[in-house]
Amino acid sequence: MTVISSSPTPLATRFGDVDALQQALRGADYLADRAVCVALFVALRLGQPLLLEGEAGVGKTEVGKALASATGARLVRLQCHEGIDVNQALYDWDYQRQLLAIRRAENGGPAGAGAASADLFGREFLLRRPLLEALESSEPTILLIDEIDRADDEFEAFLLELLSDFQVTIPELGTITAETRPVVLLTSNRTRELHDALKRRCLYEWIDYPTRERETEIVRTRVPDAPEQVVARVCDAVARLREQDLYKLPGVGETVTWAQTLLALGPAPLEETLFAVLKVREDVERVRRERLLDGV
């Protein structure tokens, strides 16, 4: 059984209830579903990481950005990728400065230049990466671990200590524990299943594509100059595309870009602007060949 220590984050007192949080996110131009706001509110109050899963483009990353904007908190983002390791995520050593220190010592350089072997792995030569930056931050911080599903099993295992105790161990320096607990958000496009050990350390929320009505509201907010006819046309077209078995369904970001494209071009056939919303050649060809947007 995994026991997660609970302690409110510094941002927990910013919102009296879920409605206040939802309104604050709206003020940052993020129209979140209530379910997302409930999960985020509890994550702030308990100080536990929140894992957000969903298809690419549904706005998972934007949750962290909007929360930072709404609260003025510092946003530290770690973009995961295949092969990411501790040196890229937590810390590394400034080897060039270490080499220069060694040369100064060999040439009779001044004492206290950090040249002693014991000092070569001290704070003076430490390069802090996003995870360490977030742990050692003295101000309210949001740590966004983006697309964790792109990392490998070894990196997932490394994160367990951080997510359980908000601490990490650096062999040369010892264990470093967060004095000010960051808000930790993880996102996953579910390109692979995450391990249970990681999930047990997090609260969890699935973010789906928005309803037709909510997506209309999002486009109105993000593209305020777009005529109502353009907004309705784009949202209707995206809704129809999401009913198809395409290789890559359009996300909310593509809907917004499509509206911006039509606003920039003026009246134009939707088939001429598929470059703004579809990112796979076969999808574009199928939509045109089968005339899937006729009548929109």
C-alpha atoms as a PDB file:
ATOM      1  CA  MET A   1       0.000   0.000   0.000  1.00  0.00           C
ATOM      2  CA  THR A   2       1.357   3.410  -0.989  1.00  0.00           C
ATOM      3  CA  VAL A   3       0.786   6.144   1.575  1.00  0.00           C
ATOM      4  CA  ILE A   4       1.033   9.671   0.219  1.00  0.00           C
ATOM      5  CA  SER A   5       1.731  12.432   2.691  1.00  0.00           C
ATOM      6  CA  SER A   6      -0.827  15.232   2.330  1.00  0.00           C
ATOM      7  CA  SER A   7      -0.006  18.876   2.906  1.00  0.00           C
ATOM      8  CA  PRO A   8      -1.675  21.896   1.299  1.00  0.00           C
ATOM      9  CA  THR A   9       0.267  23.782  -1.338  1.00  0.00           C
ATOM     10  CA  PRO A  10       0.869  27.542  -0.927  1.00  0.00           C
ATOM     11  CA  LEU A  11      -1.816  28.101  -3.575  1.00  0.00           C
ATOM     12  CA  ALA A  12      -4.473  26.181  -1.629  1.00  0.00           C
ATOM     13  CA  THR A  13      -5.723  29.286   0.166  1.00  0.00           C
ATOM     14  CA  ARG A  14      -6.160  31.279  -3.052  1.00  0.00           C
ATOM     15  CA  PHE A  15      -9.532  29.675  -3.777  1.00  0.00           C
ATOM     16  CA  GLY A  16     -12.331  29.308  -1.276  1.00  0.00           C
ATOM     17  CA  ASP A  17     -14.165  26.719  -3.318  1.00  0.00           C
ATOM     18  CA  VAL A  18     -14.297  24.981  -6.690  1.00  0.00           C
ATOM     19  CA  ASP A  19     -16.391  27.748  -8.233  1.00  0.00           C
ATOM     20  CA  ALA A  20     -13.752  30.331  -7.329  1.00  0.00           C
ATOM     21  CA  LEU A  21     -11.053  28.223  -8.969  1.00  0.00           C
ATOM     22  CA  GLN A  22     -13.156  27.715 -12.090  1.00  0.00           C
ATOM     23  CA  GLN A  23     -13.784  31.453 -12.318  1.00  0.00           C
ATOM     24  CA  ALA A  24     -10.071  32.209 -11.909  1.00  0.00           C
ATOM     25  CA  LEU A  25      -9.201  29.828 -14.732  1.00  0.00           C
ATOM     26  CA  ARG A  26     -11.863  31.461 -16.875  1.00  0.00           C
ATOM     27  CA  GLY A  27     -10.193  34.788 -16.153  1.00  0.00           C
ATOM     28  CA  ALA A  28      -7.030  33.273 -17.643  1.00  0.00           C
ATOM     29  CA  ASP A  29      -9.026  32.313 -20.777  1.00  0.00           C
ATOM     30  CA  TYR A  30      -9.210  28.632 -19.844  1.00  0.00           C
ATOM     31  CA  LEU A  31     -12.757  27.300 -19.786  1.00  0.00           C
ATOM     32  CA  ALA A  32     -12.369  24.187 -17.685  1.00  0.00           C
ATOM     33  CA  ASP A  33     -15.033  21.567 -17.063  1.00  0.00           C
ATOM     34  CA  ARG A  34     -16.171  21.385 -13.465  1.00  0.00           C
ATOM     35  CA  ALA A  35     -14.745  17.857 -13.129  1.00  0.00           C
ATOM     36  CA  VAL A  36     -11.265  19.167 -13.928  1.00  0.00           C
ATOM     37  CA  CYS A  37     -11.701  22.024 -11.469  1.00  0.00           C
ATOM     38  CA  VAL A  38     -12.814  19.656  -8.689  1.00  0.00           C
ATOM     39  CA  ALA A  39      -9.743  17.451  -9.202  1.00  0.00           C
ATOM     40  CA  LEU A  40      -7.425  20.464  -9.343  1.00  0.00           C
ATOM     41  CA  PHE A  41      -8.980  22.025  -6.245  1.00  0.00           C
ATOM     42  CA  VAL A  42      -8.451  18.827  -4.255  1.00  0.00           C
ATOM     43  CA  ALA A  43      -4.882  18.526  -5.560  1.00  0.00           C
ATOM     44  CA  LEU A  44      -4.160  22.031  -4.253  1.00  0.00           C
ATOM     45  CA  ARG A  45      -5.741  21.306  -0.875  1.00  0.00           C
ATOM     46  CA  LEU A  46      -4.061  17.936  -0.354  1.00  0.00           C
ATOM     47  CA  GLY A  47      -0.764  18.857  -1.971  1.00  0.00           C
ATOM     48  CA  GLN A  48      -0.873  15.758  -4.148  1.00  0.00           C
ATOM     49  CA  PRO A  49       0.221  15.485  -7.799  1.00  0.00           C
ATOM     50  CA  LEU A  50      -2.545  15.457 -10.393  1.00  0.00           C
ATOM     51  CA  LEU A  51      -2.269  13.276 -13.488  1.00  0.00           C
ATOM     52  CA  LEU A  52      -4.250  14.573 -16.467  1.00  0.00           C
ATOM     53  CA  GLU A  53      -4.802  12.104 -19.296  1.00  0.00           C
ATOM     54  CA  GLY A  54      -6.570  12.590 -22.590  1.00  0.00           C
ATOM     55  CA  GLU A  55      -6.150  12.749 -26.329  1.00  0.00           C
ATOM     56  CA  ALA A  56      -3.613  15.168 -27.727  1.00  0.00           C
ATOM     57  CA  GLY A  57      -5.006  18.653 -28.098  1.00  0.00           C
ATOM     58  CA  VAL A  58      -7.732  18.619 -25.437  1.00  0.00           C
ATOM     59  CA  GLY A  59      -5.995  21.237 -23.269  1.00  0.00           C
ATOM     60  CA  LYS A  60      -4.092  19.274 -20.620  1.00  0.00           C
ATOM     61  CA  THR A  61      -0.966  21.415 -20.763  1.00  0.00           C
ATOM     62  CA  GLU A  62      -3.080  24.558 -20.721  1.00  0.00           C
ATOM     63  CA  VAL A  63      -4.349  23.679 -17.235  1.00  0.00           C
ATOM     64  CA  GLY A  64      -0.901  24.330 -15.781  1.00  0.00           C
ATOM     65  CA  LYS A  65      -0.379  27.474 -17.833  1.00  0.00           C
ATOM     66  CA  ALA A  66      -3.778  28.869 -16.896  1.00  0.00           C
ATOM     67  CA  LEU A  67      -3.296  28.112 -13.193  1.00  0.00           C
ATOM     68  CA  ALA A  68       0.054  29.907 -13.262  1.00  0.00           C
ATOM     69  CA  SER A  69      -1.512  32.872 -15.037  1.00  0.00           C
ATOM     70  CA  ALA A  70      -4.466  32.993 -12.649  1.00  0.00           C
ATOM     71  CA  THR A  71      -2.322  32.879  -9.504  1.00  0.00           C
ATOM     72  CA  GLY A  72       0.904  34.572 -10.560  1.00  0.00           C
ATOM     73  CA  ALA A  73       2.787  31.423  -9.572  1.00  0.00           C
ATOM     74  CA  ARG A  74       6.016  30.441 -11.250  1.00  0.00           C
ATOM     75  CA  LEU A  75       5.580  27.804 -13.963  1.00  0.00           C
ATOM     76  CA  VAL A  76       8.376  25.258 -14.341  1.00  0.00           C
ATOM     77  CA  ARG A  77       7.799  22.909 -17.269  1.00  0.00           C
ATOM     78  CA  LEU A  78       9.584  19.645 -17.940  1.00  0.00           C
ATOM     79  CA  GLN A  79       8.880  18.407 -21.469  1.00  0.00           C
ATOM     80  CA  CYS A  80       9.379  14.655 -21.487  1.00  0.00           C
ATOM     81  CA  HIS A  81      10.725  12.781 -24.475  1.00  0.00           C
ATOM     82  CA  GLU A  82      12.108   9.382 -25.325  1.00  0.00           C
ATOM     83  CA  GLY A  83      15.414   8.853 -23.554  1.00  0.00           C
ATOM     84  CA  ILE A  84      15.043  11.674 -21.013  1.00  0.00           C
ATOM     85  CA  ASP A  85      17.226  11.045 -17.970  1.00  0.00           C
ATOM     86  CA  VAL A  86      18.171  12.492 -14.597  1.00  0.00           C
ATOM     87  CA  ASN A  87      20.792  14.811 -16.073  1.00  0.00           C
ATOM     88  CA  GLN A  88      18.186  16.472 -18.259  1.00  0.00           C
ATOM     89  CA  ALA A  89      15.365  16.511 -15.710  1.00  0.00           C
ATOM     90  CA  LEU A  90      16.990  17.017 -12.282  1.00  0.00           C
ATOM     91  CA  TYR A  91      20.595  18.197 -12.352  1.00  0.00           C
ATOM     92  CA  ASP A  92      23.916  18.029 -14.096  1.00  0.00           C
ATOM     93  CA  TRP A  93      27.444  19.212 -13.402  1.00  0.00           C
ATOM     94  CA  ASP A  94      29.134  22.114 -15.139  1.00  0.00           C
ATOM     95  CA  TYR A  95      32.045  20.097 -16.488  1.00  0.00           C
ATOM     96  CA  GLN A  96      33.718  23.054 -18.198  1.00  0.00           C
ATOM     97  CA  ARG A  97      33.851  25.048 -14.968  1.00  0.00           C
ATOM     98  CA  GLN A  98      35.086  21.977 -13.105  1.00  0.00           C
ATOM     99  CA  LEU A  99      37.869  21.560 -15.648  1.00  0.00           C
ATOM    100  CA  LEU A 100      38.841  25.209 -15.358  1.00  0.00           C
ATOM    101  CA  ALA A 101      38.926  24.885 -11.562  1.00  0.00           C
ATOM    102  CA  ILE A 102      41.221  21.879 -11.812  1.00  0.00           C
ATOM    103  CA  ARG A 103      43.555  23.770 -14.143  1.00  0.00           C
ATOM    104  CA  ARG A 104      43.635  26.766 -11.805  1.00  0.00           C
ATOM    105  CA  ALA A 105      44.579  24.467  -8.951  1.00  0.00           C
ATOM    106  CA  GLU A 106      47.320  22.812 -11.012  1.00  0.00           C
ATOM    107  CA  ASN A 107      48.699  26.242 -11.867  1.00  0.00           C
ATOM    108  CA  GLY A 108      48.743  27.349  -8.260  1.00  0.00           C
ATOM    109  CA  GLY A 109      45.471  29.257  -8.431  1.00  0.00           C
ATOM    110  CA  PRO A 110      44.012  31.028  -5.404  1.00  0.00           C
ATOM    111  CA  ALA A 111      42.587  29.016  -2.571  1.00  0.00           C
ATOM    112  CA  GLY A 112      38.831  28.843  -2.383  1.00  0.00           C
ATOM    113  CA  ALA A 113      38.467  28.722  -6.162  1.00  0.00           C
ATOM    114  CA  GLY A 114      36.560  25.472  -5.846  1.00  0.00           C
ATOM    115  CA  ALA A 115      39.479  23.442  -7.096  1.00  0.00           C
ATOM    116  CA  ALA A 116      39.704  20.963  -4.250  1.00  0.00           C
ATOM    117  CA  SER A 117      38.394  17.585  -5.354  1.00  0.00           C
ATOM    118  CA  ALA A 118      35.798  17.588  -2.586  1.00  0.00           C
ATOM    119  CA  ASP A 119      34.441  20.896  -3.875  1.00  0.00           C
ATOM    120  CA  LEU A 120      34.216  19.914  -7.525  1.00  0.00           C
ATOM    121  CA  PHE A 121      30.825  18.417  -6.828  1.00  0.00           C
ATOM    122  CA  GLY A 122      29.534  21.249  -4.680  1.00  0.00           C
ATOM    123  CA  ARG A 123      26.787  23.758  -5.314  1.00  0.00           C
ATOM    124  CA  GLU A 124      29.143  26.058  -7.207  1.00  0.00           C
ATOM    125  CA  PHE A 125      29.279  23.609 -10.102  1.00  0.00           C
ATOM    126  CA  LEU A 126      25.679  22.369  -9.996  1.00  0.00           C
ATOM    127  CA  LEU A 127      23.390  22.971 -12.982  1.00  0.00           C
ATOM    128  CA  ARG A 128      19.787  22.850 -11.832  1.00  0.00           C
ATOM    129  CA  ARG A 129      17.277  21.337 -14.245  1.00  0.00           C
ATOM    130  CA  PRO A 130      13.461  21.769 -14.038  1.00  0.00           C
ATOM    131  CA  LEU A 131      12.742  19.248 -11.257  1.00  0.00           C
ATOM    132  CA  LEU A 132      15.387  20.675  -8.941  1.00  0.00           C
ATOM    133  CA  GLU A 133      14.360  24.230  -9.854  1.00  0.00           C
ATOM    134  CA  ALA A 134      10.818  23.455  -8.747  1.00  0.00           C
ATOM    135  CA  LEU A 135      11.840  21.715  -5.522  1.00  0.00           C
ATOM    136  CA  GLU A 136      14.159  24.514  -4.437  1.00  0.00           C
ATOM    137  CA  SER A 137      11.916  27.372  -5.474  1.00  0.00           C
ATOM    138  CA  SER A 138      11.055  29.673  -2.569  1.00  0.00           C
ATOM    139  CA  GLU A 139       7.968  31.069  -4.301  1.00  0.00           C
ATOM    140  CA  PRO A 140       4.674  29.359  -5.203  1.00  0.00           C
ATOM    141  CA  THR A 141       5.520  27.088  -8.113  1.00  0.00           C
ATOM    142  CA  ILE A 142       3.669  24.890 -10.543  1.00  0.00           C
ATOM    143  CA  LEU A 143       5.701  21.965 -11.832  1.00  0.00           C
ATOM    144  CA  LEU A 144       4.302  20.746 -15.136  1.00  0.00           C
ATOM    145  CA  ILE A 145       5.675  17.338 -16.153  1.00  0.00           C
ATOM    146  CA  ASP A 146       4.403  17.257 -19.698  1.00  0.00           C
ATOM    147  CA  GLU A 147       3.765  14.091 -21.736  1.00  0.00           C
ATOM    148  CA  ILE A 148       5.143  11.669 -19.167  1.00  0.00           C
ATOM    149  CA  ASP A 149       4.032   8.807 -21.424  1.00  0.00           C
ATOM    150  CA  ARG A 150       6.893   9.703 -23.807  1.00  0.00           C
ATOM    151  CA  ALA A 151       9.480   8.875 -21.125  1.00  0.00           C
ATOM    152  CA  ASP A 152      10.592   5.323 -20.353  1.00  0.00           C
ATOM    153  CA  ASP A 153      10.026   3.011 -17.382  1.00  0.00           C
ATOM    154  CA  GLU A 154      13.324   3.972 -15.756  1.00  0.00           C
ATOM    155  CA  PHE A 155      12.406   7.644 -15.675  1.00  0.00           C
ATOM    156  CA  GLU A 156       8.983   6.826 -14.264  1.00  0.00           C
ATOM    157  CA  ALA A 157      10.663   4.901 -11.452  1.00  0.00           C
ATOM    158  CA  PHE A 158      12.957   7.839 -10.759  1.00  0.00           C
ATOM    159  CA  LEU A 159       9.935  10.123 -10.285  1.00  0.00           C
ATOM    160  CA  LEU A 160       8.434   7.981  -7.509  1.00  0.00           C
ATOM    161  CA  GLU A 161      10.510   9.560  -4.714  1.00  0.00           C
ATOM    162  CA  LEU A 162       9.650  13.045  -5.942  1.00  0.00           C
ATOM    163  CA  LEU A 163       5.925  12.352  -6.170  1.00  0.00           C
ATOM    164  CA  SER A 164       5.736  10.561  -2.803  1.00  0.00           C
ATOM    165  CA  ASP A 165       7.814  12.806  -0.569  1.00  0.00           C
ATOM    166  CA  PHE A 166       8.636  15.860  -2.685  1.00  0.00           C
ATOM    167  CA  GLN A 167      12.291  15.101  -2.318  1.00  0.00           C
ATOM    168  CA  VAL A 168      15.120  13.823  -4.487  1.00  0.00           C
ATOM    169  CA  THR A 169      18.495  12.334  -3.731  1.00  0.00           C
ATOM    170  CA  ILE A 170      21.679  13.596  -5.365  1.00  0.00           C
ATOM    171  CA  PRO A 171      24.554  11.274  -4.435  1.00  0.00           C
ATOM    172  CA  GLU A 172      27.108  14.079  -4.119  1.00  0.00           C
ATOM    173  CA  LEU A 173      24.830  16.369  -2.081  1.00  0.00           C
ATOM    174  CA  GLY A 174      22.411  14.068  -0.265  1.00  0.00           C
ATOM    175  CA  THR A 175      18.634  14.311  -0.044  1.00  0.00           C
ATOM    176  CA  ILE A 176      16.974  17.574  -1.006  1.00  0.00           C
ATOM    177  CA  THR A 177      13.439  18.175   0.252  1.00  0.00           C
ATOM    178  CA  ALA A 178      11.106  20.880  -0.942  1.00  0.00           C
ATOM    179  CA  GLU A 179      10.618  23.623   1.649  1.00  0.00           C
ATOM    180  CA  THR A 180       7.742  25.089  -0.364  1.00  0.00           C
ATOM    181  CA  ARG A 181       5.736  22.281  -1.910  1.00  0.00           C
ATOM    182  CA  PRO A 182       5.097  22.867  -5.626  1.00  0.00           C
ATOM    183  CA  VAL A 183       1.844  22.061  -7.361  1.00  0.00           C
ATOM    184  CA  VAL A 184       2.679  19.068  -9.547  1.00  0.00           C
ATOM    185  CA  LEU A 185       0.698  18.397 -12.721  1.00  0.00           C
ATOM    186  CA  LEU A 186       1.527  15.507 -15.018  1.00  0.00           C
ATOM    187  CA  THR A 187       0.032  15.081 -18.481  1.00  0.00           C
ATOM    188  CA  SER A 188      -0.214  11.993 -20.660  1.00  0.00           C
ATOM    189  CA  ASN A 189      -1.555  11.419 -24.156  1.00  0.00           C
ATOM    190  CA  ARG A 190      -1.799   7.727 -23.252  1.00  0.00           C
ATOM    191  CA  THR A 191       0.529   6.582 -26.013  1.00  0.00           C
ATOM    192  CA  ARG A 192       1.417   3.872 -23.497  1.00  0.00           C
ATOM    193  CA  GLU A 193       0.081   2.756 -20.139  1.00  0.00           C
ATOM    194  CA  LEU A 194       1.755   4.298 -17.116  1.00  0.00           C
ATOM    195  CA  HIS A 195       2.759   2.051 -14.232  1.00  0.00           C
ATOM    196  CA  ASP A 196       0.457   1.605 -11.265  1.00  0.00           C
ATOM    197  CA  ALA A 197       3.189   2.794  -8.888  1.00  0.00           C
ATOM    198  CA  LEU A 198       3.171   6.187 -10.579  1.00  0.00           C
ATOM    199  CA  LYS A 199      -0.612   6.418 -10.763  1.00  0.00           C
ATOM    200  CA  ARG A 200      -1.010   5.547  -7.073  1.00  0.00           C
ATOM    201  CA  ARG A 201       0.982   8.636  -6.181  1.00  0.00           C
ATOM    202  CA  CYS A 202      -1.341  10.922  -8.123  1.00  0.00           C
ATOM    203  CA  LEU A 203      -4.902  12.056  -8.259  1.00  0.00           C
ATOM    204  CA  TYR A 204      -6.329  11.367 -11.704  1.00  0.00           C
ATOM    205  CA  GLU A 205      -8.611  13.090 -14.183  1.00  0.00           C
ATOM    206  CA  TRP A 206      -9.427  12.244 -17.789  1.00  0.00           C
ATOM    207  CA  ILE A 207      -9.941  15.262 -20.061  1.00  0.00           C
ATOM    208  CA  ASP A 208     -12.150  14.581 -23.055  1.00  0.00           C
ATOM    209  CA  TYR A 209     -12.917  16.683 -26.097  1.00  0.00           C
ATOM    210  CA  PRO A 210     -15.245  19.525 -25.117  1.00  0.00           C
ATOM    211  CA  THR A 211     -18.901  19.519 -25.985  1.00  0.00           C
ATOM    212  CA  ARG A 212     -20.028  21.481 -29.030  1.00  0.00           C
ATOM    213  CA  GLU A 213     -21.334  24.257 -26.774  1.00  0.00           C
ATOM    214  CA  ARG A 214     -18.174  24.524 -24.677  1.00  0.00           C
ATOM    215  CA  GLU A 215     -15.929  24.492 -27.728  1.00  0.00           C
ATOM    216  CA  THR A 216     -17.972  27.334 -29.190  1.00  0.00           C
ATOM    217  CA  GLU A 217     -17.415  29.287 -25.990  1.00  0.00           C
ATOM    218  CA  ILE A 218     -13.681  28.535 -26.112  1.00  0.00           C
ATOM    219  CA  VAL A 219     -13.377  29.793 -29.694  1.00  0.00           C
ATOM    220  CA  ARG A 220     -15.331  32.937 -28.830  1.00  0.00           C
ATOM    221  CA  THR A 221     -12.937  33.578 -25.969  1.00  0.00           C
ATOM    222  CA  ARG A 222      -9.739  32.885 -27.917  1.00  0.00           C
ATOM    223  CA  VAL A 223     -10.844  34.553 -31.181  1.00  0.00           C
ATOM    224  CA  PRO A 224     -13.083  37.397 -30.004  1.00  0.00           C
ATOM    225  CA  ASP A 225     -13.066  39.116 -33.416  1.00  0.00           C
ATOM    226  CA  ALA A 226     -14.453  36.088 -35.240  1.00  0.00           C
ATOM    227  CA  PRO A 227     -18.041  36.550 -36.490  1.00  0.00           C
ATOM    228  CA  GLU A 228     -20.587  34.195 -34.961  1.00  0.00           C
ATOM    229  CA  GLN A 229     -21.098  32.565 -38.351  1.00  0.00           C
ATOM    230  CA  VAL A 230     -17.404  31.631 -38.553  1.00  0.00           C
ATOM    231  CA  VAL A 231     -17.379  30.286 -35.002  1.00  0.00           C
ATOM    232  CA  ALA A 232     -20.442  28.133 -35.611  1.00  0.00           C
ATOM    233  CA  ARG A 233     -19.139  26.871 -38.952  1.00  0.00           C
ATOM    234  CA  VAL A 234     -15.764  25.840 -37.551  1.00  0.00           C
ATOM    235  CA  CYS A 235     -17.219  24.125 -34.494  1.00  0.00           C
ATOM    236  CA  ASP A 236     -19.761  22.251 -36.610  1.00  0.00           C
ATOM    237  CA  ALA A 237     -17.005  21.117 -38.978  1.00  0.00           C
ATOM    238  CA  VAL A 238     -14.730  19.945 -36.140  1.00  0.00           C
ATOM    239  CA  ALA A 239     -17.599  18.059 -34.526  1.00  0.00           C
ATOM    240  CA  ARG A 240     -18.234  16.265 -37.805  1.00  0.00           C
ATOM    241  CA  LEU A 241     -14.537  15.412 -38.252  1.00  0.00           C
ATOM    242  CA  ARG A 242     -14.374  13.919 -34.754  1.00  0.00           C
ATOM    243  CA  GLU A 243     -17.130  11.509 -35.735  1.00  0.00           C
ATOM    244  CA  GLN A 244     -14.850  10.047 -38.401  1.00  0.00           C
ATOM    245  CA  ASP A 245     -12.210   7.368 -37.984  1.00  0.00           C
ATOM    246  CA  LEU A 246      -9.292   9.658 -38.808  1.00  0.00           C
ATOM    247  CA  TYR A 247      -5.642   9.025 -37.996  1.00  0.00           C
ATOM    248  CA  LYS A 248      -5.433  12.236 -35.952  1.00  0.00           C
ATOM    249  CA  LEU A 249      -8.579  13.921 -34.694  1.00  0.00           C
ATOM    250  CA  PRO A 250      -8.401  17.715 -34.400  1.00  0.00           C
ATOM    251  CA  GLY A 251      -7.877  19.134 -30.942  1.00  0.00           C
ATOM    252  CA  VAL A 252      -9.169  22.351 -29.435  1.00  0.00           C
ATOM    253  CA  GLY A 253      -6.030  24.171 -30.550  1.00  0.00           C
ATOM    254  CA  GLU A 254      -6.758  23.229 -34.169  1.00  0.00           C
ATOM    255  CA  THR A 255     -10.326  24.506 -33.818  1.00  0.00           C
ATOM    256  CA  VAL A 256      -9.037  27.865 -32.638  1.00  0.00           C
ATOM    257  CA  THR A 257      -6.442  27.985 -35.431  1.00  0.00           C
ATOM    258  CA  TRP A 258      -9.114  27.151 -38.012  1.00  0.00           C
ATOM    259  CA  ALA A 259     -11.252  30.053 -36.838  1.00  0.00           C
ATOM    260  CA  GLN A 260      -8.227  32.362 -36.975  1.00  0.00           C
ATOM    261  CA  THR A 261      -7.452  31.111 -40.486  1.00  0.00           C
ATOM    262  CA  LEU A 262     -10.947  31.820 -41.774  1.00  0.00           C
ATOM    263  CA  LEU A 263     -10.877  35.219 -40.097  1.00  0.00           C
ATOM    264  CA  ALA A 264      -7.594  36.024 -41.863  1.00  0.00           C
ATOM    265  CA  LEU A 265      -8.720  34.767 -45.297  1.00  0.00           C
ATOM    266  CA  GLY A 266     -12.302  35.931 -45.326  1.00  0.00           C
ATOM    267  CA  PRO A 267     -14.954  33.744 -46.972  1.00  0.00           C
ATOM    268  CA  ALA A 268     -13.285  30.521 -48.125  1.00  0.00           C
ATOM    269  CA  PRO A 269     -14.279  26.868 -48.705  1.00  0.00           C
ATOM    270  CA  LEU A 270     -13.411  24.722 -45.700  1.00  0.00           C
ATOM    271  CA  GLU A 271     -11.658  22.208 -47.970  1.00  0.00           C
ATOM    272  CA  GLU A 272      -9.096  24.888 -48.877  1.00  0.00           C
ATOM    273  CA  THR A 273      -8.160  25.449 -45.247  1.00  0.00           C
ATOM    274  CA  LEU A 274      -7.764  21.880 -44.020  1.00  0.00           C
ATOM    275  CA  PHE A 275      -4.072  22.625 -43.515  1.00  0.00           C
ATOM    276  CA  ALA A 276      -5.086  24.468 -40.328  1.00  0.00           C
ATOM    277  CA  VAL A 277      -6.876  21.545 -38.721  1.00  0.00           C
ATOM    278  CA  LEU A 278      -5.674  18.210 -40.157  1.00  0.00           C
ATOM    279  CA  LYS A 279      -2.053  17.133 -39.812  1.00  0.00           C
ATOM    280  CA  VAL A 280      -2.032  13.792 -41.629  1.00  0.00           C
ATOM    281  CA  ARG A 281      -1.998  13.593 -45.430  1.00  0.00           C
ATOM    282  CA  GLU A 282      -4.350  10.605 -45.570  1.00  0.00           C
ATOM    283  CA  ASP A 283      -6.902  12.452 -43.433  1.00  0.00           C
ATOM    284  CA  VAL A 284      -6.858  15.483 -45.726  1.00  0.00           C
ATOM    285  CA  GLU A 285      -7.241  13.328 -48.825  1.00  0.00           C
ATOM    286  CA  ARG A 286     -10.115  11.346 -47.302  1.00  0.00           C
ATOM    287  CA  VAL A 287     -12.034  14.433 -46.225  1.00  0.00           C
ATOM    288  CA  ARG A 288     -11.748  15.871 -49.712  1.00  0.00           C
ATOM    289  CA  ARG A 289     -12.418  12.611 -51.538  1.00  0.00           C
ATOM    290  CA  GLU A 290     -15.478  11.693 -49.479  1.00  0.00           C
ATOM    291  CA  ARG A 291     -16.650  15.317 -49.229  1.00  0.00           C
ATOM    292  CA  LEU A 292     -17.106  14.930 -45.497  1.00  0.00           C
ATOM    293  CA  LEU A 293     -17.627  18.628 -44.919  1.00  0.00           C
ATOM    294  CA  ASP A 294     -20.285  19.199 -47.534  1.00  0.00           C
ATOM    295  CA  GLY A 295     -23.129  21.225 -46.157  1.00  0.00           C
ATOM    296  CA  VAL A 296     -21.135  22.760 -43.279  1.00  0.00           C
END
